[in-house]
Amino acid sequence: MKNLYWLIMVVAIAVAFYEQNSDEKNTIVMVIALGVFIFGLIKLSAKIPSKEQKNDDEQL
């Protein structure tokens, strides 16, 4: 599942760069691509445990 998020994020950024360099810039496509990228970052970073959680477990 993690690899799928990476793939989707790379495609979203590629689409955003392609749209930015085209003659007729489509703002809606740029916003959607940016939204997909941010969504992917949130999903990937949710799997990273925080340092505070580790310290809480040690105190118990």
N, C-alpha and C. Protein backbone atom coordinates (compact mmCIF):
# COMPACT_ATOMS: atom_id res chain seq x y z
N MET A 1 0.82 -1.19 0.00
CA MET A 1 0.00 0.00 0.00
C MET A 1 0.87 1.25 0.00
N LYS A 2 2.00 1.17 0.71
CA LYS A 2 2.90 2.31 0.78
C LYS A 2 3.46 2.65 -0.60
N ASN A 3 3.77 1.61 -1.38
CA ASN A 3 4.30 1.84 -2.72
C ASN A 3 3.26 2.49 -3.62
N LEU A 4 2.00 2.15 -3.41
CA LEU A 4 0.93 2.75 -4.20
C LEU A 4 0.83 4.25 -3.93
N TYR A 5 0.97 4.65 -2.66
CA TYR A 5 0.95 6.08 -2.33
C TYR A 5 2.11 6.81 -2.98
N TRP A 6 3.29 6.20 -2.98
CA TRP A 6 4.45 6.82 -3.62
C TRP A 6 4.19 7.01 -5.11
N LEU A 7 3.64 5.99 -5.76
CA LEU A 7 3.37 6.06 -7.18
C LEU A 7 2.35 7.17 -7.49
N ILE A 8 1.29 7.23 -6.72
CA ILE A 8 0.27 8.25 -6.92
C ILE A 8 0.84 9.65 -6.71
N MET A 9 1.69 9.80 -5.70
CA MET A 9 2.30 11.10 -5.44
C MET A 9 3.22 11.54 -6.58
N VAL A 10 4.00 10.62 -7.10
CA VAL A 10 4.91 10.93 -8.20
C VAL A 10 4.11 11.32 -9.45
N VAL A 11 3.04 10.60 -9.73
CA VAL A 11 2.21 10.93 -10.88
C VAL A 11 1.56 12.30 -10.70
N ALA A 12 1.09 12.60 -9.50
CA ALA A 12 0.45 13.89 -9.24
C ALA A 12 1.44 15.04 -9.44
N ILE A 13 2.66 14.89 -8.96
CA ILE A 13 3.66 15.93 -9.15
C ILE A 13 4.05 16.06 -10.62
N ALA A 14 4.14 14.94 -11.33
CA ALA A 14 4.46 15.00 -12.75
C ALA A 14 3.37 15.74 -13.52
N VAL A 15 2.12 15.47 -13.19
CA VAL A 15 1.01 16.17 -13.84
C VAL A 15 1.06 17.66 -13.52
N ALA A 16 1.36 17.99 -12.27
CA ALA A 16 1.43 19.40 -11.87
C ALA A 16 2.55 20.13 -12.62
N PHE A 17 3.72 19.50 -12.74
CA PHE A 17 4.81 20.13 -13.49
C PHE A 17 4.47 20.25 -14.97
N TYR A 18 3.83 19.24 -15.52
CA TYR A 18 3.45 19.29 -16.93
C TYR A 18 2.46 20.43 -17.17
N GLU A 19 1.47 20.56 -16.30
CA GLU A 19 0.48 21.63 -16.45
C GLU A 19 1.11 23.01 -16.27
N GLN A 20 2.08 23.10 -15.39
CA GLN A 20 2.72 24.39 -15.14
C GLN A 20 3.52 24.84 -16.35
N ASN A 21 4.07 23.91 -17.09
CA ASN A 21 4.90 24.26 -18.24
C ASN A 21 4.11 24.35 -19.54
N SER A 22 2.84 24.00 -19.54
CA SER A 22 2.06 24.08 -20.77
C SER A 22 1.65 25.53 -21.04
N ASP A 23 1.27 25.79 -22.29
CA ASP A 23 0.89 27.15 -22.67
C ASP A 23 -0.42 27.58 -22.02
N GLU A 24 -1.39 26.69 -22.01
CA GLU A 24 -2.68 26.98 -21.38
C GLU A 24 -2.71 26.30 -20.01
N LYS A 25 -2.46 27.07 -18.98
CA LYS A 25 -2.42 26.51 -17.63
C LYS A 25 -3.83 26.28 -17.12
N ASN A 26 -4.09 25.07 -16.65
CA ASN A 26 -5.39 24.73 -16.10
C ASN A 26 -5.25 24.69 -14.57
N THR A 27 -5.82 25.67 -13.92
CA THR A 27 -5.68 25.81 -12.47
C THR A 27 -6.34 24.67 -11.73
N ILE A 28 -7.45 24.18 -12.23
CA ILE A 28 -8.17 23.10 -11.55
C ILE A 28 -7.31 21.83 -11.50
N VAL A 29 -6.63 21.52 -12.59
CA VAL A 29 -5.77 20.34 -12.62
C VAL A 29 -4.61 20.51 -11.64
N MET A 30 -4.06 21.72 -11.56
CA MET A 30 -2.97 21.98 -10.61
C MET A 30 -3.43 21.80 -9.17
N VAL A 31 -4.61 22.31 -8.86
CA VAL A 31 -5.12 22.20 -7.49
C VAL A 31 -5.40 20.74 -7.13
N ILE A 32 -5.97 19.99 -8.06
CA ILE A 32 -6.25 18.57 -7.81
C ILE A 32 -4.95 17.80 -7.62
N ALA A 33 -3.96 18.06 -8.45
CA ALA A 33 -2.67 17.37 -8.32
C ALA A 33 -2.01 17.71 -6.99
N LEU A 34 -2.08 18.96 -6.57
CA LEU A 34 -1.51 19.36 -5.29
C LEU A 34 -2.26 18.70 -4.14
N GLY A 35 -3.58 18.64 -4.25
CA GLY A 35 -4.38 17.98 -3.22
C GLY A 35 -4.06 16.50 -3.08
N VAL A 36 -3.89 15.83 -4.21
CA VAL A 36 -3.54 14.41 -4.19
C VAL A 36 -2.16 14.22 -3.55
N PHE A 37 -1.22 15.10 -3.88
CA PHE A 37 0.11 15.01 -3.30
C PHE A 37 0.06 15.20 -1.79
N ILE A 38 -0.66 16.20 -1.32
CA ILE A 38 -0.77 16.44 0.12
C ILE A 38 -1.46 15.28 0.82
N PHE A 39 -2.50 14.74 0.21
CA PHE A 39 -3.19 13.58 0.77
C PHE A 39 -2.22 12.41 0.92
N GLY A 40 -1.39 12.17 -0.09
CA GLY A 40 -0.40 11.10 -0.03
C GLY A 40 0.62 11.33 1.07
N LEU A 41 1.07 12.56 1.23
CA LEU A 41 2.02 12.87 2.30
C LEU A 41 1.41 12.62 3.67
N ILE A 42 0.16 12.98 3.84
CA ILE A 42 -0.51 12.76 5.12
C ILE A 42 -0.61 11.27 5.41
N LYS A 43 -1.00 10.49 4.41
CA LYS A 43 -1.12 9.04 4.61
C LYS A 43 0.23 8.40 4.93
N LEU A 44 1.29 8.83 4.26
CA LEU A 44 2.60 8.26 4.52
C LEU A 44 3.15 8.68 5.87
N SER A 45 2.94 9.93 6.26
CA SER A 45 3.48 10.39 7.54
C SER A 45 2.68 9.87 8.73
N ALA A 46 1.48 9.40 8.52
CA ALA A 46 0.68 8.85 9.62
C ALA A 46 1.29 7.55 10.15
N LYS A 47 2.10 6.89 9.36
CA LYS A 47 2.70 5.62 9.75
C LYS A 47 3.97 5.80 10.58
N ILE A 48 4.49 7.03 10.65
CA ILE A 48 5.73 7.29 11.38
C ILE A 48 5.38 7.56 12.83
N PRO A 49 5.91 6.77 13.75
CA PRO A 49 5.60 7.01 15.17
C PRO A 49 6.33 8.26 15.68
N SER A 50 5.73 8.95 16.60
CA SER A 50 6.35 10.15 17.15
C SER A 50 7.30 9.79 18.28
N LYS A 51 8.21 10.69 18.60
CA LYS A 51 9.13 10.47 19.71
C LYS A 51 8.39 10.51 21.03
N GLU A 52 7.37 11.33 21.12
CA GLU A 52 6.61 11.45 22.36
C GLU A 52 5.92 10.13 22.70
N GLN A 53 5.44 9.43 21.71
CA GLN A 53 4.77 8.15 21.96
C GLN A 53 5.75 7.14 22.54
N LYS A 54 6.98 7.14 22.08
CA LYS A 54 7.99 6.22 22.60
C LYS A 54 8.29 6.54 24.05
N ASN A 55 8.43 7.82 24.38
CA ASN A 55 8.70 8.21 25.76
C ASN A 55 7.55 7.87 26.69
N ASP A 56 6.32 8.00 26.22
CA ASP A 56 5.15 7.64 27.03
C ASP A 56 5.13 6.16 27.35
N ASP A 57 5.53 5.33 26.40
CA ASP A 57 5.54 3.89 26.62
C ASP A 57 6.61 3.49 27.65
N GLU A 58 7.73 4.20 27.66
CA GLU A 58 8.80 3.88 28.60
C GLU A 58 8.42 4.26 30.02
N GLN A 59 7.61 5.29 30.20
CA GLN A 59 7.24 5.74 31.53
C GLN A 59 6.25 4.80 32.20
N LEU A 60 5.51 4.06 31.42
CA LEU A 60 4.55 3.13 31.99
C LEU A 60 5.30 1.99 32.59
